[in-house]
Amino acid sequence: MADNAQIAIIEARFYADIADALAEGAIAAIEKAGATYERFAVPGVLEIPAALAMISKTRRHEFDAYVLLGCVIRGETSHYEIVANESARAIMAFQVKKRLALGNGILTVENADQAWIRARKGEKDKGGGAAEAAMALMRLRRSLEDGCEE
């Protein structure tokens, strides 16, 4: 149970149809847990770390967990490695530093077929998995904070 948790979904809209499929799974998992959500859109995966930093700083008391959604499809240039590696590095560093309950549902795939298999709610449902991971970390943080004086 999510105990009235508020979840921020930050989604890269570069592949809007894939982002929508990921969001469908994430929203279903969040609602099943009894939590609520707010969606934030950014142009691409490289903008997700900055949006995460902005939202968690300016609205830090509003969100109990964060779900990141997007897709990076390999192309013919090194841009894929830059986007996938640098966004993942920035997200992980920020998540650990700020101790955020975060589920990473950013797909890194070779082609659109792989993306769809991972995005669809009826298949691998990586959006739903990211939401479940975020809420699991939220519950872990809450259990560790119980009884702690600030």
C-alpha atoms as a PDB file:
ATOM      1  CA  MET A   1       0.000   0.000   0.000  1.00  0.00           C
ATOM      2  CA  ALA A   2       1.253   3.490  -0.811  1.00  0.00           C
ATOM      3  CA  ASP A   3      -0.430   5.320   2.097  1.00  0.00           C
ATOM      4  CA  ASN A   4      -1.546   8.468   0.244  1.00  0.00           C
ATOM      5  CA  ALA A   5       1.795   8.737  -1.523  1.00  0.00           C
ATOM      6  CA  GLN A   6       2.255  11.347  -4.211  1.00  0.00           C
ATOM      7  CA  ILE A   7       4.446  10.205  -7.106  1.00  0.00           C
ATOM      8  CA  ALA A   8       6.100  12.416  -9.734  1.00  0.00           C
ATOM      9  CA  ILE A   9       6.304  10.896 -13.195  1.00  0.00           C
ATOM     10  CA  ILE A  10       8.931  12.567 -15.352  1.00  0.00           C
ATOM     11  CA  GLU A  11       8.713  11.450 -18.955  1.00  0.00           C
ATOM     12  CA  ALA A  12      10.782  12.169 -22.033  1.00  0.00           C
ATOM     13  CA  ARG A  13       8.433  12.808 -24.966  1.00  0.00           C
ATOM     14  CA  PHE A  14      10.917  12.285 -27.846  1.00  0.00           C
ATOM     15  CA  TYR A  15       9.171   8.998 -28.677  1.00  0.00           C
ATOM     16  CA  ALA A  16       5.724  10.121 -27.518  1.00  0.00           C
ATOM     17  CA  ASP A  17       3.889   6.886 -28.305  1.00  0.00           C
ATOM     18  CA  ILE A  18       6.421   4.794 -26.383  1.00  0.00           C
ATOM     19  CA  ALA A  19       6.329   7.313 -23.515  1.00  0.00           C
ATOM     20  CA  ASP A  20       2.543   6.959 -23.394  1.00  0.00           C
ATOM     21  CA  ALA A  21       2.805   3.165 -23.235  1.00  0.00           C
ATOM     22  CA  LEU A  22       5.348   3.391 -20.411  1.00  0.00           C
ATOM     23  CA  ALA A  23       3.138   5.901 -18.583  1.00  0.00           C
ATOM     24  CA  GLU A  24       0.116   3.629 -18.928  1.00  0.00           C
ATOM     25  CA  GLY A  25       1.922   0.882 -17.001  1.00  0.00           C
ATOM     26  CA  ALA A  26       3.310   3.301 -14.420  1.00  0.00           C
ATOM     27  CA  ILE A  27      -0.062   4.909 -13.785  1.00  0.00           C
ATOM     28  CA  ALA A  28      -1.774   1.535 -13.430  1.00  0.00           C
ATOM     29  CA  ALA A  29       0.794   0.438 -10.807  1.00  0.00           C
ATOM     30  CA  ILE A  30       0.526   3.739  -8.935  1.00  0.00           C
ATOM     31  CA  GLU A  31      -3.261   3.679  -8.867  1.00  0.00           C
ATOM     32  CA  LYS A  32      -3.310   0.004  -7.854  1.00  0.00           C
ATOM     33  CA  ALA A  33      -1.173   0.956  -4.843  1.00  0.00           C
ATOM     34  CA  GLY A  34      -3.596   3.716  -3.874  1.00  0.00           C
ATOM     35  CA  ALA A  35      -1.161   6.523  -4.644  1.00  0.00           C
ATOM     36  CA  THR A  36      -1.641   9.628  -6.749  1.00  0.00           C
ATOM     37  CA  TYR A  37       0.642  11.091  -9.379  1.00  0.00           C
ATOM     38  CA  GLU A  38       1.546  14.176 -11.344  1.00  0.00           C
ATOM     39  CA  ARG A  39       3.106  13.975 -14.795  1.00  0.00           C
ATOM     40  CA  PHE A  40       5.913  16.210 -16.019  1.00  0.00           C
ATOM     41  CA  ALA A  41       7.074  16.180 -19.648  1.00  0.00           C
ATOM     42  CA  VAL A  42      10.514  16.986 -21.018  1.00  0.00           C
ATOM     43  CA  PRO A  43      11.700  16.826 -24.632  1.00  0.00           C
ATOM     44  CA  GLY A  44      14.187  13.962 -24.286  1.00  0.00           C
ATOM     45  CA  VAL A  45      16.048  11.669 -21.924  1.00  0.00           C
ATOM     46  CA  LEU A  46      18.952  14.094 -21.461  1.00  0.00           C
ATOM     47  CA  GLU A  47      16.523  16.582 -19.897  1.00  0.00           C
ATOM     48  CA  ILE A  48      15.254  14.125 -17.286  1.00  0.00           C
ATOM     49  CA  PRO A  49      18.111  14.615 -14.754  1.00  0.00           C
ATOM     50  CA  ALA A  50      17.663  18.401 -14.791  1.00  0.00           C
ATOM     51  CA  ALA A  51      13.892  18.092 -14.429  1.00  0.00           C
ATOM     52  CA  LEU A  52      14.371  15.644 -11.546  1.00  0.00           C
ATOM     53  CA  ALA A  53      16.690  18.116  -9.806  1.00  0.00           C
ATOM     54  CA  MET A  54      14.294  21.032 -10.362  1.00  0.00           C
ATOM     55  CA  ILE A  55      11.169  19.203  -9.237  1.00  0.00           C
ATOM     56  CA  SER A  56      12.773  17.590  -6.192  1.00  0.00           C
ATOM     57  CA  LYS A  57      14.263  20.945  -5.125  1.00  0.00           C
ATOM     58  CA  THR A  58      11.283  23.227  -5.650  1.00  0.00           C
ATOM     59  CA  ARG A  59       8.555  20.769  -4.654  1.00  0.00           C
ATOM     60  CA  ARG A  60      10.518  18.402  -2.400  1.00  0.00           C
ATOM     61  CA  HIS A  61       7.819  18.019   0.230  1.00  0.00           C
ATOM     62  CA  GLU A  62       5.133  17.182  -2.304  1.00  0.00           C
ATOM     63  CA  PHE A  63       6.526  13.954  -3.779  1.00  0.00           C
ATOM     64  CA  ASP A  64       7.284  10.717  -1.983  1.00  0.00           C
ATOM     65  CA  ALA A  65       8.796   8.994  -5.025  1.00  0.00           C
ATOM     66  CA  TYR A  66       9.798   9.613  -8.624  1.00  0.00           C
ATOM     67  CA  VAL A  67       9.265   7.543 -11.767  1.00  0.00           C
ATOM     68  CA  LEU A  68      11.417   8.326 -14.800  1.00  0.00           C
ATOM     69  CA  LEU A  69      10.224   7.223 -18.225  1.00  0.00           C
ATOM     70  CA  GLY A  70      11.719   7.515 -21.675  1.00  0.00           C
ATOM     71  CA  CYS A  71      13.395   5.691 -24.492  1.00  0.00           C
ATOM     72  CA  VAL A  72      16.766   5.825 -26.212  1.00  0.00           C
ATOM     73  CA  ILE A  73      17.017   3.873 -29.461  1.00  0.00           C
ATOM     74  CA  ARG A  74      20.467   3.154 -30.901  1.00  0.00           C
ATOM     75  CA  GLY A  75      21.181   4.982 -34.119  1.00  0.00           C
ATOM     76  CA  GLU A  76      24.135   5.266 -36.442  1.00  0.00           C
ATOM     77  CA  THR A  77      26.142   7.723 -34.320  1.00  0.00           C
ATOM     78  CA  SER A  78      27.631   7.816 -30.825  1.00  0.00           C
ATOM     79  CA  HIS A  79      24.713   9.967 -29.638  1.00  0.00           C
ATOM     80  CA  TYR A  80      23.022   6.856 -28.198  1.00  0.00           C
ATOM     81  CA  GLU A  81      25.943   6.199 -25.820  1.00  0.00           C
ATOM     82  CA  ILE A  82      26.099   9.821 -24.745  1.00  0.00           C
ATOM     83  CA  VAL A  83      22.372  10.024 -23.990  1.00  0.00           C
ATOM     84  CA  ALA A  84      22.118   6.617 -22.314  1.00  0.00           C
ATOM     85  CA  ASN A  85      25.316   6.840 -20.279  1.00  0.00           C
ATOM     86  CA  GLU A  86      25.223  10.479 -19.230  1.00  0.00           C
ATOM     87  CA  SER A  87      21.568  10.497 -18.241  1.00  0.00           C
ATOM     88  CA  ALA A  88      21.976   7.268 -16.247  1.00  0.00           C
ATOM     89  CA  ARG A  89      25.111   8.606 -14.538  1.00  0.00           C
ATOM     90  CA  ALA A  90      23.459  11.887 -13.589  1.00  0.00           C
ATOM     91  CA  ILE A  91      20.282  10.190 -12.364  1.00  0.00           C
ATOM     92  CA  MET A  92      22.136   7.646 -10.227  1.00  0.00           C
ATOM     93  CA  ALA A  93      24.431  10.260  -8.684  1.00  0.00           C
ATOM     94  CA  PHE A  94      21.525  12.547  -7.836  1.00  0.00           C
ATOM     95  CA  GLN A  95      19.332   9.724  -6.560  1.00  0.00           C
ATOM     96  CA  VAL A  96      21.993   8.480  -4.177  1.00  0.00           C
ATOM     97  CA  LYS A  97      23.054  11.955  -3.029  1.00  0.00           C
ATOM     98  CA  LYS A  98      19.480  13.046  -2.290  1.00  0.00           C
ATOM     99  CA  ARG A  99      18.282   9.578  -1.162  1.00  0.00           C
ATOM    100  CA  LEU A 100      15.332   9.647  -3.522  1.00  0.00           C
ATOM    101  CA  ALA A 101      12.864   6.820  -3.909  1.00  0.00           C
ATOM    102  CA  LEU A 102      13.155   6.513  -7.664  1.00  0.00           C
ATOM    103  CA  GLY A 103      12.224   3.991 -10.310  1.00  0.00           C
ATOM    104  CA  ASN A 104      14.107   4.241 -13.586  1.00  0.00           C
ATOM    105  CA  GLY A 105      11.964   3.226 -16.541  1.00  0.00           C
ATOM    106  CA  ILE A 106      14.199   4.670 -19.243  1.00  0.00           C
ATOM    107  CA  LEU A 107      14.557   2.113 -22.010  1.00  0.00           C
ATOM    108  CA  THR A 108      17.856   1.740 -23.847  1.00  0.00           C
ATOM    109  CA  VAL A 109      17.243  -0.448 -26.869  1.00  0.00           C
ATOM    110  CA  GLU A 110      18.545  -1.361 -30.297  1.00  0.00           C
ATOM    111  CA  ASN A 111      15.305  -0.750 -32.192  1.00  0.00           C
ATOM    112  CA  ALA A 112      11.648   0.221 -31.922  1.00  0.00           C
ATOM    113  CA  ASP A 113      10.480  -3.406 -31.735  1.00  0.00           C
ATOM    114  CA  GLN A 114      12.512  -3.926 -28.546  1.00  0.00           C
ATOM    115  CA  ALA A 115      11.135  -0.668 -27.132  1.00  0.00           C
ATOM    116  CA  TRP A 116       7.527  -1.712 -27.716  1.00  0.00           C
ATOM    117  CA  ILE A 117       8.026  -5.122 -26.104  1.00  0.00           C
ATOM    118  CA  ARG A 118       9.448  -3.426 -23.012  1.00  0.00           C
ATOM    119  CA  ALA A 119       6.945  -0.560 -22.935  1.00  0.00           C
ATOM    120  CA  ARG A 120       3.602  -2.295 -23.393  1.00  0.00           C
ATOM    121  CA  LYS A 121       1.638  -2.969 -20.226  1.00  0.00           C
ATOM    122  CA  GLY A 122       0.676  -6.434 -21.471  1.00  0.00           C
ATOM    123  CA  GLU A 123       4.290  -7.391 -22.168  1.00  0.00           C
ATOM    124  CA  LYS A 124       7.377  -6.423 -20.140  1.00  0.00           C
ATOM    125  CA  ASP A 125       5.669  -3.333 -18.639  1.00  0.00           C
ATOM    126  CA  LYS A 126       8.848  -1.480 -17.713  1.00  0.00           C
ATOM    127  CA  GLY A 127       6.795   1.610 -16.786  1.00  0.00           C
ATOM    128  CA  GLY A 128       4.847  -0.403 -14.235  1.00  0.00           C
ATOM    129  CA  GLY A 129       8.069  -1.968 -12.981  1.00  0.00           C
ATOM    130  CA  ALA A 130       9.650   1.460 -12.532  1.00  0.00           C
ATOM    131  CA  ALA A 131       6.647   2.661 -10.520  1.00  0.00           C
ATOM    132  CA  GLU A 132       6.754  -0.455  -8.351  1.00  0.00           C
ATOM    133  CA  ALA A 133      10.490   0.034  -7.765  1.00  0.00           C
ATOM    134  CA  ALA A 134       9.962   3.676  -6.758  1.00  0.00           C
ATOM    135  CA  MET A 135       7.240   2.733  -4.297  1.00  0.00           C
ATOM    136  CA  ALA A 136       9.332  -0.131  -2.873  1.00  0.00           C
ATOM    137  CA  LEU A 137      12.160   2.317  -2.169  1.00  0.00           C
ATOM    138  CA  MET A 138       9.654   4.752  -0.685  1.00  0.00           C
ATOM    139  CA  ARG A 139       8.420   2.033   1.695  1.00  0.00           C
ATOM    140  CA  LEU A 140      12.012   1.120   2.586  1.00  0.00           C
ATOM    141  CA  ARG A 141      12.850   4.743   3.363  1.00  0.00           C
ATOM    142  CA  ARG A 142       9.710   5.087   5.485  1.00  0.00           C
ATOM    143  CA  SER A 143      10.539   1.914   7.442  1.00  0.00           C
ATOM    144  CA  LEU A 144      14.056   3.180   8.115  1.00  0.00           C
ATOM    145  CA  GLU A 145      12.784   6.597   9.191  1.00  0.00           C
ATOM    146  CA  ASP A 146      10.230   5.164  11.647  1.00  0.00           C
ATOM    147  CA  GLY A 147      11.468   5.946  15.115  1.00  0.00           C
ATOM    148  CA  CYS A 148      14.233   8.260  13.898  1.00  0.00           C
ATOM    149  CA  GLU A 149      14.431  11.742  15.341  1.00  0.00           C
ATOM    150  CA  GLU A 150      15.219  14.521  12.903  1.00  0.00           C
END
